[in-house]
Amino acid sequence: MKRNWLSVLLLAMGCLAATALADAPATDRAKARYYYIEGMLREATGSDIQAHEFFKRAVLADSTYREALYALATTRLMVRNDSLQTPSGMLGSLALMRPFVDAYPDDFNENQFYAYAARQLGDPKESVRVFERIATRLPAKTTALLQLGDAYMADDNPKAAVDALSRFEAIEGASPQLAMRKLGYMATAGDTVGVLAEADRLIRENPKDPVYRILKGDVLRVIGRTDSVEKYYIEAEMVNPEYGAAKLSLANLYLERGDSTAYDAKIYEALISEDFGMEDKRDLLAEYLQTLISQKNDTRRGDNLFKVLREQYPHEPTVINLEARYSAAKGELDYAAELMGYVTDLEPDKEQNWGQLMSYFSAGKHFDEADKAYRKALDHITPTRDLRMLHAMVLALDKRYDDAQEAYADVVRQIAPGAPITEPVTDPALKNLDYNSLMALSDIYTAIGDMWYQAGDLQKTFGAYDNALFFNPINAMTLNNYAYFLAENDGDLEKARTMSRKAVDLESANDTFLDTYAWVLFRQGDYKEARNYQQKAVEIAEQNGEPSAELYSHYGDILFMDKEPDKALDYWSKALELEPDDELLQRKVKQKTFFYE
């Protein structure tokens, strides 16, 4: 526990002055007091370990010194020492604290911390004892009653826990938060009758507060009595027609029932309600729009709701940003980029906005515009590594490979100024970089390799991958890509098999890595083993809802070579459904036979 620095300093000075004036002998207590004060000074400056050592010396000098025992116990709980953090070690610390709290029961902070620690360390009865004492001796410290309720719950006494909260309510008055806490205690005890009676009492005593009617509706939903839920939500809305929470509760109820029309109506009312602030409305609309997109519903409903926010907050960047994300999710990338252009004008100092704008331009294949956005961003921000990497990727997608490599090189030089870009990395000193730098460099060289494969330059591709593996020999993505491209280009299949096997061992549930390993085996003519791994890859992809034409096509090829032509045709057909314009797949399905590309 931290103490106020000024009070500690004044106390220390006073004690030292008193000692000097009295010219006290070097008794055990005097030594203990000296060490205790030194420990307090260290603790006040944040030196917990040094404080712990001084408190330990104080207790060794005088084992009856309660203040030192308590201070030692608190630092023992904070110092990250394995022996002190064991259950027995922490309970030992708790025992050291007890003499002080029993000697000084009116020291609220120390007693509160001790009682809280007792509950956390599995001694709820001791926690109850001390919190009850605090509540009796210090009635103004009403928060002790809330903690007393938690202590009683930990001691499996929900009735006493509810009583503690009732005592708090009698002093401080009712509140929705307190009501939810009390109802939670009662529900844990299985007292459904009591829960409903308490909810009704709160409504009777607070007839003009809609929150308690909503609370009653929530309780009914939880216990499965759904017939009356709507009644209480509607009553809450009638009590305060502008109360947004009531509208939201009704909206969620209608959503559960599948009544999209009623749901839309209530969401609309919530959005125009003055009761919700801009951030609440933004989050509400974001959740609603995500539902529309994921369920592939008519997005015109979302468009109409967006008009509400735009009218209310026409120049609010977070609202425009949300609309941009929504438009991008619908596939309206040009409009999303237009909106993010407004956002970057309003908030040019936020890198995330520039990255979003570049992503939308890039996704819409407007690579030149993405490049211009990056260069414009440089007038306002110092780009992080992530934005620099995004810019390099944009240049690579635009087939400006030399420019892209230079952009990647800039990122490499920021991390390791002496690292070569196009030549092999051989300097062993570069392996002494910190872990994060090694991982970052490996990923950058992997991106360079991917780019050069896209450009058709195998020598640069594999050279970059070799550099990536220099920095991180177990970069699974690098190993996988390296192996696949070797197999696809008549490379060293044994080398490909070794690397691909390592990638699979690193991520055994990655369907892409399994597909690569199976494909390398296929290229080696090991069809039965290839079939086992490709089947697993397909199963995982289907479980994740992400099967690809390539997975199915490879599986069909393997099945055909493993003398299962009918099954092969099934998977080629599945692949063709996903990629209907693939001419090679069309030939395989039409001729019912395997063709090399």
Foldseek 3Di string as FASTA:
>chain_A
DADAQVVLVVVLVVVVVVCVVVVDDPALQVQLVNLQSVLNNCVNVPNLVSSLVSLVSSCVSPVVPLSSLLSNLVSLCVDPDPVCPDLVNNVVSLVSNVVVCVVPVQPPVSLQVSLVSCLVSLNLVSSLVSLVSCCVVPVVPLVSLQVNLVSCVSVVNLVVSLVSLVVSCVPVNDDPVSLVVNLVSCVVVVNLVVSLVSLVVVCVVCVLQLVSLQVNLVSCVVVVVNPCSLVSLVSSCVSPVLALVSLCSVLVVCVVVVNVVSNLVSLLSSLLRPNDDLVVNLVSLLVVLVVCLVVVHDCVSSVVSLVSSCVVCVLDLSSLQSVLVSCVSVVNLVVSLVSLVSSCVVPLQDVVSLLSNLVSCVVVVVLVVNLVSLVVSVVRYDDDLVVLLSNLVSCLSVVVLVVSLVSLVVSLCVLPVPADRQAAGDPVVVLVGDLVSLQVQLVSLQVNLVSVVVVVDNVSNVRSLNNSCVSPVQPLVSLLVNLQVCLVPVHDLVSSLVSLVSSCVVPVLALSSLLSNLSSCVSVVVLVVSLVSLVSSQVSCVVVVHDALSSLQSNLVSCVSVVNLVSSLVSLVVSCVRVVPDPLSVCCNVVSHHDDD
